[in-house]
Amino acid sequence: MKCLNCGYETEIDQSQILCPRCGGLLEIILEPPKDFSFSKLRGRGVWRYKELIAGRYKNIVSINEGNTPLIRSSNINDNLYFKFEGLNPTGSFKDRGMTVAVSSAVSLNYKTVIAASTGNTAASAAAYAARAGIKSFIVLPKGKVALGKLAQSILYGSVILEVDGSFDVAMDAVMRLYKDLKVVYPLNSFNPWRLEGQKTIAFEIAEELGVPDNVIVPVGNAGNIYAIWKGFNELVKTGVINTIPRMIGIQAEGASPIVTAIIKGKDSPDFIENPDTVATAIRIGKPVNWQKAMKAIRESNGTAIAVSDSEILDAQKTLARKEGIGAEPASAAALAGYIKAINEKVVDKDEKTVLILTGHSLKDPDSMTKAEAKRILVNPLHMEKIILGEINGSNS
């Protein structure tokens, strides 16, 4: 394990989450087995790849997460694929990380977990804590969490703590609490053990498709783009693959500190105090994993792109009406970014590209109702007139 901030190094220690010297982020540097082969694996989902997941787990807490579909585009571009993480147990990619993080907490004999969230982490943490039979506390920015995600946290029985301010206020509170009070186990992505689960996205893509030219990832707290890059990097070490795709991060214009830093060639981002975007899952102005994300982007010769809220909502509608995939706005940011990358010649339409669709549309029902639709109050005896009129109109 190595600290990205001060360079501190230690053997892999499952009890370590932050650097004991400076409090910085730790990387888990895994030397995978040289005889690793996909053909030898058994089972499905995240734990299919247990040989490549660091740590020891006395009890695995799982809800059969992972094994999500990789869907080839039918109507946008034949070289485009959607990794639909919305079909995980609680409807987002967070479940991949949560199965490992909660299993680690249980293996270390923790009885209480905590997480700050814009919503998806909350739902996932609450579900996996319930599955493990341990107590969970969820810290949310009051009034800034999509209804579907808040409802999930309530249903799973978590204790919900609401704070005035943004997600970043909630995140600071959780990090401070963990440092001061070690009896609670943090489930946010500054915990490197959570990212061990999320890297299995790369394993599934590589096993099914091989290595794409580009992987496009929505970026909020910035752990997922690093985790996916880390997964591909570890597969290179095994010899199973020999290249890594370009990692392209997408942020909303109102919450884009990493994009700005990448474009300007800066070593660190200028954080945003009051981030604002319709894509609540990536409404984060101070991403805790910025160092890891920028490392993944730069070392893969990738880039970062900002998209507007209108581009995000248009992409969400396009996904639904051209591909039949219902994804929340943060997921749709990946398609919005892809379209912009094609137009700006950052990506070629002939390149094989995978978009990570991070969460299901049901997470944010309000966003779905913003798409225009025909809703007509009719007399059921005269319904055929409207239907025939619509058919004839669409054929004319």
Protein backbone atom coordinates (compact mmCIF):
# COMPACT_ATOMS: atom_id res chain seq x y z
CA MET A 1 0.00 0.00 0.00
CA LYS A 2 1.26 3.46 -0.85
CA CYS A 3 0.14 6.96 0.06
CA LEU A 4 -0.47 9.21 -2.93
CA ASN A 5 0.28 12.26 -0.82
CA CYS A 6 3.47 11.63 1.18
CA GLY A 7 4.77 8.41 -0.40
CA TYR A 8 4.43 6.31 2.79
CA GLU A 9 4.55 2.58 1.98
CA THR A 10 3.53 -0.49 3.94
CA GLU A 11 2.57 -4.09 3.34
CA ILE A 12 -1.07 -4.66 2.41
CA ASP A 13 -2.97 -4.26 5.67
CA GLN A 14 -6.74 -4.60 5.60
CA SER A 15 -7.17 -2.41 8.67
CA GLN A 16 -5.53 0.55 6.92
CA ILE A 17 -7.86 2.98 5.14
CA LEU A 18 -6.01 6.31 5.24
CA CYS A 19 -2.29 6.97 5.48
CA PRO A 20 -1.24 6.72 9.16
CA ARG A 21 1.44 9.36 8.57
CA CYS A 22 -0.42 12.18 6.78
CA GLY A 23 -4.06 11.06 6.45
CA GLY A 24 -3.80 10.90 2.65
CA LEU A 25 -5.32 8.40 0.26
CA LEU A 26 -3.81 4.93 0.09
CA GLU A 27 -3.42 2.86 -3.07
CA ILE A 28 -3.58 -0.92 -2.85
CA ILE A 29 -0.82 -2.16 -5.14
CA LEU A 30 -1.62 -5.76 -5.95
CA GLU A 31 0.75 -8.18 -7.63
CA PRO A 32 -1.73 -10.56 -9.24
CA PRO A 33 -0.94 -14.24 -9.82
CA LYS A 34 0.97 -14.81 -13.07
CA ASP A 35 -1.08 -17.91 -13.85
CA PHE A 36 -4.39 -16.04 -13.74
CA SER A 37 -6.80 -17.00 -16.49
CA PHE A 38 -10.47 -16.19 -17.06
CA SER A 39 -11.02 -19.79 -18.14
CA LYS A 40 -10.18 -21.05 -14.64
CA LEU A 41 -12.78 -18.89 -12.90
CA ARG A 42 -16.04 -20.16 -11.43
CA GLY A 43 -19.23 -18.45 -10.37
CA ARG A 44 -20.55 -15.05 -11.45
CA GLY A 45 -20.35 -11.45 -10.32
CA VAL A 46 -17.79 -9.61 -8.22
CA TRP A 47 -16.48 -12.60 -6.26
CA ARG A 48 -15.82 -14.57 -9.44
CA TYR A 49 -12.60 -12.53 -9.45
CA LYS A 50 -11.63 -13.16 -5.82
CA GLU A 51 -8.07 -14.08 -6.88
CA LEU A 52 -7.60 -10.45 -7.92
CA ILE A 53 -9.31 -8.85 -4.91
CA ALA A 54 -6.86 -7.87 -2.16
CA GLY A 55 -7.59 -8.79 1.45
CA ARG A 56 -8.86 -11.72 3.47
CA TYR A 57 -12.55 -12.16 4.14
CA LYS A 58 -13.92 -14.37 6.92
CA ASN A 59 -17.48 -13.59 5.86
CA ILE A 60 -18.52 -12.42 2.42
CA VAL A 61 -21.59 -10.18 2.41
CA SER A 62 -23.11 -10.44 -1.05
CA ILE A 63 -26.43 -9.84 -2.81
CA ASN A 64 -25.18 -11.32 -6.11
CA GLU A 65 -23.86 -8.01 -7.39
CA GLY A 66 -21.91 -7.63 -10.61
CA ASN A 67 -22.33 -9.65 -13.81
CA THR A 68 -24.14 -6.66 -15.33
CA PRO A 69 -24.97 -6.66 -19.04
CA LEU A 70 -22.66 -5.17 -21.64
CA ILE A 71 -25.16 -3.97 -24.22
CA ARG A 72 -24.16 -3.20 -27.79
CA SER A 73 -25.75 -0.11 -29.28
CA SER A 74 -28.46 -0.81 -31.85
CA ASN A 75 -29.28 2.70 -33.01
CA ILE A 76 -26.44 5.08 -32.09
CA ASN A 77 -23.20 3.37 -33.19
CA ASP A 78 -22.28 -0.29 -33.69
CA ASN A 79 -18.92 0.35 -32.00
CA LEU A 80 -20.57 1.66 -28.84
CA TYR A 81 -21.32 -0.49 -25.78
CA PHE A 82 -23.18 0.26 -22.55
CA LYS A 83 -22.06 -1.37 -19.28
CA PHE A 84 -25.37 -1.09 -17.46
CA GLU A 85 -24.58 -0.94 -13.76
CA GLY A 86 -28.17 0.04 -13.01
CA LEU A 87 -28.97 -3.69 -12.91
CA ASN A 88 -27.01 -4.26 -9.71
CA PRO A 89 -29.09 -5.21 -6.62
CA THR A 90 -29.70 -1.64 -5.41
CA GLY A 91 -29.55 -0.15 -8.88
CA SER A 92 -26.02 1.25 -9.11
CA PHE A 93 -22.34 0.35 -9.45
CA LYS A 94 -21.85 1.12 -5.75
CA ASP A 95 -22.91 -2.44 -4.92
CA ARG A 96 -19.66 -3.80 -6.37
CA GLY A 97 -17.63 -1.78 -3.92
CA MET A 98 -20.02 -2.28 -1.06
CA THR A 99 -19.83 -6.07 -1.09
CA VAL A 100 -16.07 -5.84 -0.56
CA ALA A 101 -16.11 -2.92 1.90
CA VAL A 102 -18.85 -4.38 4.10
CA SER A 103 -17.23 -7.82 3.96
CA SER A 104 -14.02 -6.17 5.10
CA ALA A 105 -15.82 -4.37 7.92
CA VAL A 106 -17.39 -7.60 9.13
CA SER A 107 -14.08 -9.47 8.84
CA LEU A 108 -12.48 -6.76 11.01
CA ASN A 109 -15.32 -7.15 13.57
CA TYR A 110 -16.91 -3.73 13.06
CA LYS A 111 -20.53 -3.47 14.15
CA THR A 112 -21.28 -0.03 12.70
CA VAL A 113 -20.69 1.53 9.27
CA ILE A 114 -21.10 5.08 8.01
CA ALA A 115 -21.15 6.85 4.64
CA ALA A 116 -21.74 10.29 3.19
CA SER A 117 -23.74 10.20 0.01
CA THR A 118 -25.49 11.94 -2.85
CA GLY A 119 -27.83 8.94 -2.74
CA ASN A 120 -26.46 5.82 -4.44
CA THR A 121 -23.82 5.10 -1.80
CA ALA A 122 -26.51 5.57 0.85
CA ALA A 123 -28.84 3.04 -0.72
CA SER A 124 -26.07 0.51 -1.26
CA ALA A 125 -24.49 0.93 2.19
CA ALA A 126 -27.85 0.61 3.90
CA ALA A 127 -28.71 -2.56 1.97
CA TYR A 128 -25.39 -4.32 2.57
CA ALA A 129 -25.32 -3.33 6.23
CA ALA A 130 -28.81 -4.80 6.59
CA ARG A 131 -27.63 -7.96 4.87
CA ALA A 132 -24.68 -8.17 7.27
CA GLY A 133 -26.84 -7.49 10.33
CA ILE A 134 -24.89 -4.39 11.37
CA LYS A 135 -25.93 -0.80 12.03
CA SER A 136 -25.54 1.91 9.39
CA PHE A 137 -25.49 5.70 9.53
CA ILE A 138 -25.96 7.67 6.33
CA VAL A 139 -25.00 11.36 6.09
CA LEU A 140 -26.91 13.23 3.37
CA PRO A 141 -27.04 16.84 2.15
CA LYS A 142 -30.55 17.91 3.12
CA GLY A 143 -32.91 18.36 0.17
CA LYS A 144 -30.29 17.36 -2.42
CA VAL A 145 -30.83 13.62 -2.79
CA ALA A 146 -33.02 12.12 -5.52
CA LEU A 147 -36.26 10.65 -4.22
CA GLY A 148 -35.63 7.06 -5.31
CA LYS A 149 -32.31 6.91 -3.48
CA LEU A 150 -33.64 8.49 -0.29
CA ALA A 151 -36.56 6.07 -0.28
CA GLN A 152 -34.17 3.10 -0.56
CA SER A 153 -32.15 4.24 2.46
CA ILE A 154 -35.35 4.60 4.47
CA LEU A 155 -36.59 1.17 3.41
CA TYR A 156 -33.33 -0.59 4.35
CA GLY A 157 -33.53 0.87 7.87
CA SER A 158 -30.45 3.06 8.00
CA VAL A 159 -30.17 5.96 10.46
CA ILE A 160 -30.24 9.04 8.24
CA LEU A 161 -28.32 12.13 9.31
CA GLU A 162 -29.03 15.24 7.20
CA VAL A 163 -26.69 18.21 7.06
CA ASP A 164 -27.10 21.69 5.68
CA GLY A 165 -24.82 22.22 2.70
CA SER A 166 -23.45 20.09 -0.13
CA PHE A 167 -22.24 16.50 -0.29
CA ASP A 168 -18.74 17.80 0.38
CA VAL A 169 -19.85 18.99 3.84
CA ALA A 170 -21.20 15.50 4.55
CA MET A 171 -17.98 13.91 3.24
CA ASP A 172 -15.79 16.10 5.46
CA ALA A 173 -17.90 15.12 8.46
CA VAL A 174 -17.50 11.39 7.76
CA MET A 175 -13.73 11.63 7.27
CA ARG A 176 -13.38 13.61 10.48
CA LEU A 177 -15.56 11.14 12.38
CA TYR A 178 -13.55 8.17 11.14
CA LYS A 179 -10.25 9.77 12.12
CA ASP A 180 -11.53 10.74 15.59
CA LEU A 181 -13.76 7.77 16.35
CA LYS A 182 -12.43 4.51 14.98
CA VAL A 183 -15.46 2.44 16.09
CA VAL A 184 -17.29 3.24 12.84
CA TYR A 185 -16.15 1.80 9.51
CA PRO A 186 -16.36 4.23 6.56
CA LEU A 187 -17.89 3.03 3.31
CA ASN A 188 -17.03 5.99 1.10
CA SER A 189 -14.58 5.60 -1.77
CA PHE A 190 -11.66 7.13 0.14
CA ASN A 191 -11.69 3.59 1.54
CA PRO A 192 -9.44 1.75 -0.96
CA TRP A 193 -11.02 -1.59 -0.14
CA ARG A 194 -14.28 -0.42 -1.69
CA LEU A 195 -12.49 0.28 -4.95
CA GLU A 196 -11.30 -3.33 -5.00
CA GLY A 197 -14.88 -4.29 -5.76
CA GLN A 198 -15.48 -1.57 -8.32
CA LYS A 199 -12.46 -2.58 -10.39
CA THR A 200 -14.30 -5.77 -11.36
CA ILE A 201 -16.13 -3.67 -13.97
CA ALA A 202 -12.87 -3.78 -15.94
CA PHE A 203 -12.58 -7.55 -15.48
CA GLU A 204 -16.07 -8.14 -16.85
CA ILE A 205 -15.51 -5.85 -19.85
CA ALA A 206 -12.20 -7.53 -20.68
CA GLU A 207 -13.58 -11.04 -20.28
CA GLU A 208 -16.56 -10.38 -22.55
CA LEU A 209 -15.28 -7.84 -25.07
CA GLY A 210 -11.52 -7.69 -24.80
CA VAL A 211 -9.90 -4.28 -24.43
CA PRO A 212 -11.91 -1.38 -25.87
CA ASP A 213 -10.24 1.75 -27.20
CA ASN A 214 -12.04 4.00 -24.73
CA VAL A 215 -13.93 3.67 -21.47
CA ILE A 216 -16.07 6.70 -20.62
CA VAL A 217 -17.00 7.16 -16.97
CA PRO A 218 -19.17 9.75 -15.18
CA VAL A 219 -17.06 11.36 -12.44
CA GLY A 220 -18.40 12.50 -9.09
CA ASN A 221 -16.28 11.60 -6.08
CA ALA A 222 -13.87 10.19 -8.68
CA GLY A 223 -13.19 6.70 -7.34
CA ASN A 224 -14.81 4.67 -10.10
CA ILE A 225 -12.71 5.85 -13.04
CA TYR A 226 -9.58 5.02 -11.04
CA ALA A 227 -10.95 1.63 -9.97
CA ILE A 228 -11.71 0.63 -13.57
CA TRP A 229 -8.28 1.79 -14.72
CA LYS A 230 -6.73 -0.18 -11.84
CA GLY A 231 -8.60 -3.29 -12.95
CA PHE A 232 -7.28 -3.08 -16.50
CA ASN A 233 -3.79 -2.32 -15.20
CA GLU A 234 -3.80 -5.46 -13.05
CA LEU A 235 -4.96 -7.57 -15.99
CA VAL A 236 -1.94 -6.30 -17.93
CA LYS A 237 0.28 -7.52 -15.07
CA THR A 238 -1.23 -11.00 -15.38
CA GLY A 239 -0.57 -11.05 -19.12
CA VAL A 240 -4.25 -11.65 -19.92
CA ILE A 241 -4.33 -8.34 -21.85
CA ASN A 242 -1.51 -6.16 -23.12
CA THR A 243 -3.06 -2.70 -23.39
CA ILE A 244 -5.18 -0.35 -21.31
CA PRO A 245 -8.07 1.67 -22.75
CA ARG A 246 -8.08 5.45 -22.63
CA MET A 247 -10.02 6.51 -19.54
CA ILE A 248 -12.26 9.50 -20.26
CA GLY A 249 -13.95 11.21 -17.33
CA ILE A 250 -17.20 13.15 -17.69
CA GLN A 251 -18.38 15.82 -15.28
CA ALA A 252 -21.31 18.22 -15.34
CA GLU A 253 -20.34 21.81 -16.14
CA GLY A 254 -21.54 22.97 -12.72
CA ALA A 255 -19.39 20.40 -10.93
CA SER A 256 -16.26 19.97 -13.05
CA PRO A 257 -13.08 20.61 -11.04
CA ILE A 258 -11.23 17.61 -12.50
CA VAL A 259 -12.12 18.52 -16.08
CA THR A 260 -10.78 22.03 -15.57
CA ALA A 261 -7.55 20.73 -14.03
CA ILE A 262 -6.98 18.21 -16.85
CA ILE A 263 -7.67 20.74 -19.61
CA LYS A 264 -5.42 23.37 -18.02
CA GLY A 265 -2.66 20.86 -17.29
CA LYS A 266 -2.76 21.59 -13.56
CA ASP A 267 -1.42 19.27 -10.87
CA SER A 268 -4.53 19.63 -8.71
CA PRO A 269 -8.08 20.91 -9.17
CA ASP A 270 -9.63 24.11 -7.88
CA PHE A 271 -12.56 22.85 -5.86
CA ILE A 272 -16.09 24.21 -6.29
CA GLU A 273 -17.85 25.36 -3.13
CA ASN A 274 -21.43 25.13 -4.42
CA PRO A 275 -21.61 22.54 -7.21
CA ASP A 276 -24.82 22.51 -9.20
CA THR A 277 -26.21 20.05 -11.73
CA VAL A 278 -29.37 18.09 -12.45
CA ALA A 279 -27.20 14.95 -12.22
CA THR A 280 -27.31 14.65 -8.43
CA ALA A 281 -24.99 11.63 -8.30
CA ILE A 282 -22.09 13.71 -9.65
CA ARG A 283 -23.00 16.99 -7.92
CA ILE A 284 -19.66 17.05 -6.11
CA GLY A 285 -17.30 20.01 -6.05
CA LYS A 286 -14.53 18.51 -3.93
CA PRO A 287 -14.00 14.93 -5.13
CA VAL A 288 -12.04 13.03 -2.50
CA ASN A 289 -10.37 10.76 -5.08
CA TRP A 290 -9.17 13.52 -7.42
CA GLN A 291 -5.55 12.33 -7.19
CA LYS A 292 -6.50 8.81 -8.21
CA ALA A 293 -8.79 9.96 -11.01
CA MET A 294 -6.21 12.30 -12.52
CA LYS A 295 -3.60 9.55 -12.32
CA ALA A 296 -5.90 7.13 -14.18
CA ILE A 297 -6.75 9.68 -16.87
CA ARG A 298 -3.18 10.81 -17.48
CA GLU A 299 -1.49 7.42 -17.33
CA SER A 300 -4.00 6.01 -19.85
CA ASN A 301 -3.56 9.01 -22.19
CA GLY A 302 -7.20 9.84 -21.55
CA THR A 303 -8.97 13.13 -21.01
CA ALA A 304 -11.91 14.75 -19.23
CA ILE A 305 -14.95 16.49 -20.68
CA ALA A 306 -17.63 18.75 -19.16
CA VAL A 307 -21.24 18.56 -20.36
CA SER A 308 -24.21 20.82 -19.71
CA ASP A 309 -27.39 19.81 -17.92
CA SER A 310 -29.35 20.13 -21.16
CA GLU A 311 -26.88 17.78 -22.88
CA ILE A 312 -27.26 15.32 -20.00
CA LEU A 313 -31.06 15.32 -20.15
CA ASP A 314 -31.03 15.00 -23.95
CA ALA A 315 -28.68 12.02 -23.62
CA GLN A 316 -30.91 10.43 -21.00
CA LYS A 317 -33.84 10.68 -23.41
CA THR A 318 -31.72 9.34 -26.28
CA LEU A 319 -30.66 6.31 -24.24
CA ALA A 320 -34.27 5.54 -23.41
CA ARG A 321 -35.84 6.22 -26.81
CA LYS A 322 -33.12 4.89 -29.11
CA GLU A 323 -31.67 2.05 -27.01
CA GLY A 324 -34.44 1.19 -24.53
CA ILE A 325 -32.12 1.78 -21.56
CA GLY A 326 -33.37 3.74 -18.58
CA ALA A 327 -30.44 5.42 -16.83
CA GLU A 328 -30.28 8.23 -14.28
CA PRO A 329 -28.82 11.60 -15.36
CA ALA A 330 -25.30 10.91 -14.05
CA SER A 331 -25.19 7.79 -16.23
CA ALA A 332 -26.48 9.74 -19.21
CA ALA A 333 -23.58 12.16 -18.75
CA ALA A 334 -21.39 9.41 -20.22
CA LEU A 335 -23.38 9.42 -23.47
CA ALA A 336 -23.45 13.23 -23.52
CA GLY A 337 -19.67 13.16 -23.14
CA TYR A 338 -19.31 10.56 -25.89
CA ILE A 339 -21.36 12.66 -28.32
CA LYS A 340 -19.24 15.72 -27.51
CA ALA A 341 -16.03 13.70 -27.84
CA ILE A 342 -17.11 12.50 -31.30
CA ASN A 343 -18.01 16.03 -32.39
CA GLU A 344 -14.72 17.44 -31.09
CA LYS A 345 -12.75 14.54 -32.65
CA VAL A 346 -11.43 13.41 -29.28
CA VAL A 347 -12.89 9.97 -30.01
CA ASP A 348 -13.43 8.40 -33.42
CA LYS A 349 -16.78 6.74 -34.11
CA ASP A 350 -14.90 3.71 -35.45
CA GLU A 351 -13.20 3.16 -32.09
CA LYS A 352 -14.64 0.57 -29.74
CA THR A 353 -15.98 2.53 -26.78
CA VAL A 354 -17.69 1.44 -23.56
CA LEU A 355 -19.87 3.83 -21.57
CA ILE A 356 -20.30 3.08 -17.87
CA LEU A 357 -23.98 3.66 -17.06
CA THR A 358 -23.67 3.95 -13.31
CA GLY A 359 -27.28 3.90 -12.12
CA HIS A 360 -30.87 3.06 -13.06
CA SER A 361 -33.41 5.67 -14.14
CA LEU A 362 -35.71 4.68 -11.25
CA LYS A 363 -33.15 6.22 -8.90
CA ASP A 364 -34.30 9.67 -9.97
CA PRO A 365 -37.97 9.65 -11.04
CA ASP A 366 -38.14 13.45 -11.16
CA SER A 367 -35.60 13.58 -13.97
CA MET A 368 -37.64 11.19 -16.10
CA THR A 369 -40.70 13.42 -15.96
CA LYS A 370 -38.70 16.28 -17.49
CA ALA A 371 -38.67 14.49 -20.86
CA GLU A 372 -41.46 15.69 -23.11
CA ALA A 373 -44.20 13.15 -23.77
CA LYS A 374 -47.70 13.09 -25.18
CA ARG A 375 -50.23 12.49 -22.42
CA ILE A 376 -53.77 12.67 -23.72
CA LEU A 377 -57.02 12.38 -21.76
CA VAL A 378 -59.33 10.39 -24.01
CA ASN A 379 -62.78 8.92 -24.20
CA PRO A 380 -62.04 5.17 -24.42
CA LEU A 381 -64.74 4.82 -27.10
CA HIS A 382 -62.85 7.21 -29.37
CA MET A 383 -59.33 6.03 -28.68
CA GLU A 384 -58.89 4.56 -32.15
CA LYS A 385 -59.08 8.03 -33.71
CA ILE A 386 -56.08 9.24 -31.73
CA ILE A 387 -54.08 6.07 -32.34
CA LEU A 388 -54.76 6.10 -36.08
CA GLY A 389 -53.97 9.79 -36.20
CA GLU A 390 -50.66 9.22 -34.48
CA ILE A 391 -49.80 6.30 -36.80
CA ASN A 392 -50.71 8.24 -39.93
CA GLY A 393 -48.84 11.29 -38.66
CA SER A 394 -45.65 9.32 -37.99
CA ASN A 395 -45.86 7.69 -41.43
CA SER A 396 -46.40 10.93 -43.35
